[in-house]
Protein backbone atom coordinates (compact mmCIF):
# COMPACT_ATOMS: atom_id res chain seq x y z
CA UNK A 1 134.66 104.10 100.92
CA UNK A 2 132.02 106.11 102.80
CA UNK A 3 128.78 106.65 100.93
CA UNK A 4 126.59 109.49 102.14
CA UNK A 5 123.47 108.10 103.79
CA UNK A 6 120.98 110.32 101.98
CA UNK A 7 118.03 108.24 103.19
CA UNK A 8 118.57 109.81 106.62
CA UNK A 9 117.19 113.06 105.23
CA UNK A 10 113.78 111.36 105.07
CA UNK A 11 113.68 110.72 108.84
CA UNK A 12 111.95 113.35 110.95
CA UNK A 13 109.63 113.90 113.89
CA UNK A 14 108.40 117.43 114.44
CA UNK A 15 108.87 117.46 118.22
CA UNK A 16 112.36 115.86 118.18
CA UNK A 17 115.88 117.12 117.48
CA UNK A 18 118.01 115.28 114.91
CA UNK A 19 121.78 114.79 115.26
CA UNK A 20 124.53 112.42 114.19
CA UNK A 21 127.19 110.81 116.40
CA UNK A 22 130.23 108.98 115.00
CA UNK A 23 132.73 106.93 117.03
CA UNK A 24 135.20 104.91 114.93
CA UNK A 25 133.06 102.66 112.67
CA UNK A 26 129.87 103.39 114.62
CA UNK A 27 127.80 106.03 112.78
CA UNK A 28 124.44 106.76 114.39
CA UNK A 29 121.60 109.04 113.37
CA UNK A 30 119.50 109.98 116.39
CA UNK A 31 116.24 111.72 117.18
CA UNK A 32 115.66 112.86 120.77
CA UNK A 33 113.96 115.61 122.72
CA UNK A 34 117.27 117.51 122.93
CA UNK A 35 120.80 117.36 121.52
CA UNK A 36 122.65 114.53 123.31
CA UNK A 37 125.85 114.10 121.30
CA UNK A 38 128.19 114.05 124.33
CA UNK A 39 126.02 111.54 126.19
CA UNK A 40 125.69 109.41 123.05
CA UNK A 41 129.46 109.37 122.50
CA UNK A 42 130.05 108.15 126.06
CA UNK A 43 127.42 105.42 125.66
CA UNK A 44 128.86 104.22 122.35
CA UNK A 45 132.37 104.07 123.84
CA UNK A 46 131.06 102.00 126.75
CA UNK A 47 129.40 99.34 124.60
CA UNK A 48 132.11 99.31 121.95
CA UNK A 49 134.53 98.71 124.80
CA UNK A 50 132.60 95.64 125.94
CA UNK A 51 132.53 94.20 122.42
CA UNK A 52 136.15 95.04 121.59
CA UNK A 53 137.37 93.52 124.87
CA UNK A 54 135.45 90.31 124.26
CA UNK A 55 136.80 90.03 120.73
CA UNK A 56 140.35 90.59 121.97
CA UNK A 57 139.90 87.54 124.23
CA UNK A 58 138.03 85.43 121.64
CA UNK A 59 138.86 86.59 118.07
CA UNK A 60 136.62 83.91 116.52
CA UNK A 61 133.61 85.75 117.93
CA UNK A 62 134.15 88.41 115.25
CA UNK A 63 134.50 86.02 112.31
CA UNK A 64 132.26 83.01 112.87
CA UNK A 65 129.19 82.75 110.65
CA UNK A 66 127.55 80.11 112.86
CA UNK A 67 126.02 80.41 116.34
CA UNK A 68 128.37 81.06 119.24
CA UNK A 69 127.42 79.13 122.37
CA UNK A 70 128.25 80.72 125.74
CA UNK A 71 126.19 79.91 128.85
CA UNK A 72 123.18 79.50 126.56
CA UNK A 73 121.05 76.38 126.38
CA UNK A 74 118.83 76.13 123.32
CA UNK A 75 117.23 72.81 122.24
CA UNK A 76 116.96 74.07 118.66
CA UNK A 77 120.74 74.04 118.25
CA UNK A 78 121.63 70.41 117.64
CA UNK A 79 125.31 70.62 116.71
CA UNK A 80 126.87 74.02 117.43
CA UNK A 81 130.12 74.62 115.57
CA UNK A 82 131.59 77.15 117.99
CA UNK A 83 131.56 76.59 121.75
CA UNK A 84 132.78 79.59 123.72
CA UNK A 85 134.46 79.37 127.14
CA UNK A 86 132.08 79.15 130.06
CA UNK A 87 132.45 82.74 131.29
CA UNK A 88 130.17 85.57 132.32
CA UNK A 89 129.87 88.01 129.40
CA UNK A 90 128.40 91.55 129.29
CA UNK A 91 124.68 91.77 128.53
CA UNK A 92 125.20 93.16 125.04
CA UNK A 93 127.42 90.17 124.18
CA UNK A 94 124.84 87.73 125.55
CA UNK A 95 122.08 89.39 123.51
CA UNK A 96 124.17 89.06 120.34
CA UNK A 97 124.84 85.40 121.16
CA UNK A 98 121.18 84.61 121.85
CA UNK A 99 120.01 86.41 118.72
CA UNK A 100 122.53 84.47 116.62
CA UNK A 101 121.34 81.19 118.10
CA UNK A 102 117.66 81.95 117.41
CA UNK A 103 118.37 83.05 113.84
CA UNK A 104 121.09 80.43 113.23
CA UNK A 105 123.80 82.96 112.30
CA UNK A 106 127.00 84.26 113.86
CA UNK A 107 126.72 86.80 116.71
CA UNK A 108 128.19 89.67 114.68
CA UNK A 109 125.05 89.56 112.49
CA UNK A 110 123.40 91.31 115.45
CA UNK A 111 126.05 93.95 116.20
CA UNK A 112 124.47 96.97 114.49
CA UNK A 113 121.06 96.29 116.01
CA UNK A 114 122.56 95.63 119.42
CA UNK A 115 124.48 98.92 119.43
CA UNK A 116 121.33 100.79 118.35
CA UNK A 117 119.28 99.12 121.09
CA UNK A 118 121.72 99.62 123.95
CA UNK A 119 122.44 103.22 123.00
CA UNK A 120 118.71 103.87 122.67
CA UNK A 121 117.87 102.33 126.03
CA UNK A 122 120.55 104.41 127.79
CA UNK A 123 119.40 107.61 126.06
CA UNK A 124 115.92 107.07 127.46
CA UNK A 125 117.34 108.34 130.77
CA UNK A 126 117.65 111.75 129.04
CA UNK A 127 114.73 111.72 126.58
CA UNK A 128 111.29 110.14 126.76
CA UNK A 129 111.24 109.60 122.99
CA UNK A 130 114.28 108.27 121.14
CA UNK A 131 115.11 106.96 117.67
CA UNK A 132 118.54 105.45 116.99
CA UNK A 133 119.40 104.40 113.42
CA UNK A 134 122.55 102.40 112.77
CA UNK A 135 123.01 101.55 109.09
CA UNK A 136 119.38 100.62 108.50
CA UNK A 137 118.83 99.06 111.94
CA UNK A 138 116.48 101.18 114.03
CA UNK A 139 115.62 101.34 117.72
CA UNK A 140 112.37 103.22 118.39
CA UNK A 141 110.84 104.54 121.56
CA UNK A 142 108.00 106.75 120.34
CA UNK A 143 104.46 107.45 121.39
CA UNK A 144 101.74 106.10 119.12
CA UNK A 145 102.16 104.97 115.54
CA UNK A 146 105.17 105.40 113.29
CA UNK A 147 105.73 104.83 109.56
CA UNK A 148 109.06 103.42 108.40
CA UNK A 149 109.95 103.80 104.71
CA UNK A 150 111.86 100.86 103.22
CA UNK A 151 114.93 101.71 101.14
CA UNK A 152 115.54 98.83 98.71
CA UNK A 153 118.26 100.06 96.37
CA UNK A 154 117.39 99.81 92.68
CA UNK A 155 114.06 98.05 93.26
CA UNK A 156 111.11 99.98 91.78
CA UNK A 157 109.44 99.50 95.17
CA UNK A 158 112.20 101.34 97.06
CA UNK A 159 110.76 104.14 99.24
CA UNK A 160 107.36 103.65 97.59
CA UNK A 161 105.80 102.08 100.66
CA UNK A 162 106.08 102.27 104.40
CA UNK A 163 105.45 99.95 107.29
CA UNK A 164 103.00 101.53 109.73
CA UNK A 165 103.45 100.21 113.27
CA UNK A 166 101.77 100.91 116.58
CA UNK A 167 104.64 101.07 119.08
CA UNK A 168 102.23 100.63 122.00
CA UNK A 169 104.53 103.03 123.90
CA UNK A 170 107.20 100.36 124.13
CA UNK A 171 110.67 100.07 122.57
CA UNK A 172 110.49 98.56 119.09
CA UNK A 173 113.07 97.46 116.53
CA UNK A 174 112.94 97.68 112.73
CA UNK A 175 116.05 96.17 111.12
CA UNK A 176 116.85 95.79 107.43
CA UNK A 177 119.35 93.59 105.59
CA UNK A 178 120.19 93.70 101.88
CA UNK A 179 122.14 91.56 99.46
CA UNK A 180 122.43 94.38 96.91
CA UNK A 181 123.26 97.50 98.94
CA UNK A 182 125.39 98.33 101.98
CA UNK A 183 128.58 96.83 103.39
CA UNK A 184 127.11 94.15 105.66
CA UNK A 185 127.69 90.52 104.71
CA UNK A 186 124.72 88.77 103.08
CA UNK A 187 124.65 85.45 101.26
CA UNK A 188 121.41 86.34 99.48
CA UNK A 189 120.27 88.71 96.75
CA UNK A 190 117.19 90.39 98.21
CA UNK A 191 117.02 94.17 97.82
CA UNK A 192 115.63 94.45 101.35
CA UNK A 193 114.59 92.18 104.18
CA UNK A 194 112.92 94.17 106.95
CA UNK A 195 112.17 92.54 110.32
CA UNK A 196 110.14 94.03 113.18
CA UNK A 197 110.66 92.83 116.76
CA UNK A 198 110.81 94.09 120.32
CA UNK A 199 114.49 93.07 120.29
CA UNK A 200 116.83 95.01 118.00
CA UNK A 201 119.51 92.31 118.36
CA UNK A 202 117.07 89.63 117.22
CA UNK A 203 115.61 91.73 114.39
CA UNK A 204 119.10 92.39 113.01
CA UNK A 205 120.21 88.74 113.16
CA UNK A 206 116.88 87.50 111.75
CA UNK A 207 117.00 89.96 108.83
CA UNK A 208 120.45 88.61 107.92
CA UNK A 209 119.36 84.98 108.26
CA UNK A 210 116.18 85.44 106.20
CA UNK A 211 118.06 87.39 103.56
CA UNK A 212 120.69 84.67 103.24
CA UNK A 213 118.05 82.31 101.85
CA UNK A 214 116.84 84.52 99.00
CA UNK A 215 118.60 83.93 95.68
CA UNK A 216 115.59 84.43 93.36
CA UNK A 217 112.06 85.82 93.62
CA UNK A 218 110.79 82.27 94.00
CA UNK A 219 112.53 82.11 97.41
CA UNK A 220 110.50 84.94 98.97
CA UNK A 221 107.68 82.79 100.38
CA UNK A 222 110.08 80.13 101.63
CA UNK A 223 112.21 82.72 103.41
CA UNK A 224 109.17 84.22 105.13
CA UNK A 225 108.02 80.76 106.25
CA UNK A 226 111.44 80.33 107.82
CA UNK A 227 111.46 83.76 109.47
CA UNK A 228 108.02 83.59 111.04
CA UNK A 229 109.13 80.53 113.04
CA UNK A 230 111.78 82.59 114.86
CA UNK A 231 110.37 83.33 118.31
CA UNK A 232 110.07 87.06 118.95
CA UNK A 233 109.49 88.28 115.38
CA UNK A 234 106.46 90.55 114.93
CA UNK A 235 106.58 91.17 111.18
CA UNK A 236 108.61 90.61 108.00
CA UNK A 237 108.83 92.48 104.69
CA UNK A 238 110.89 91.07 101.79
CA UNK A 239 111.56 93.02 98.59
CA UNK A 240 113.34 91.67 95.53
CA UNK A 241 113.15 93.65 92.30
CA UNK A 242 109.39 94.21 91.68
CA UNK A 243 108.15 91.54 94.11
CA UNK A 244 107.24 91.89 97.78
CA UNK A 245 106.39 89.40 100.52
CA UNK A 246 104.68 90.33 103.80
CA UNK A 247 103.89 88.62 107.08
CA UNK A 248 102.90 89.59 110.60
CA UNK A 249 101.19 92.25 112.67
CA UNK A 250 102.06 95.15 110.34
CA UNK A 251 100.30 97.53 107.95
CA UNK A 252 101.88 98.58 104.65
CA UNK A 253 100.87 101.98 103.25
CA UNK A 254 101.97 104.02 100.20
CA UNK A 255 104.43 106.81 100.95
CA UNK A 256 103.78 110.38 99.88
CA UNK A 257 106.17 111.74 97.27
């Protein structure tokens, strides 16, 4: 059942236009310099087509919860459970595969972030500043600093604080996983695990992997120790009930009411 994403009402940038584009299960909230719904629809269809075609050839790609190995050599993976055929895959598929390997999860853990990233990158041909939000996974291309509020369900810390980040005029990803809200699969019970990276695919997969390890508040520090070893992660925020854990090159500030 669809639940209205009311947190999207809190996203704004005075110089950008806000619009929503929906294609099948893909539901994106976008900020850009002008309304780009037609262009966004075409881009979504292109990348969904790549993913759907790959899954039609290799159905296990959509269901495996362990890394999928395809033309990727990574010394950190000792005994991969799924070995894909040695074929050339589209870039979005390869990014999902690589993110899953780094975070030690299945490739579909990176799908929402990957769609946000690839749509955002293509929209940059039409708008110098772009924000693409896909179910809590965000691709950002903004000038200067940006503050991201963290929605954490029933936690008393939900939307009480924001992560202030200097984008350095480069694309940036902020992805969030939860074991208590949303429809995405999580083995943990954290209210929110937020990961910042230059790669949206990696941030999405890492947020899932870190969140999987959190069953109680006592697991917060251990999960952050695990996450900060993933190459390419800039920062981590973990919220469970009234506890929060932080790591990385980030600044946390209180949000205005």
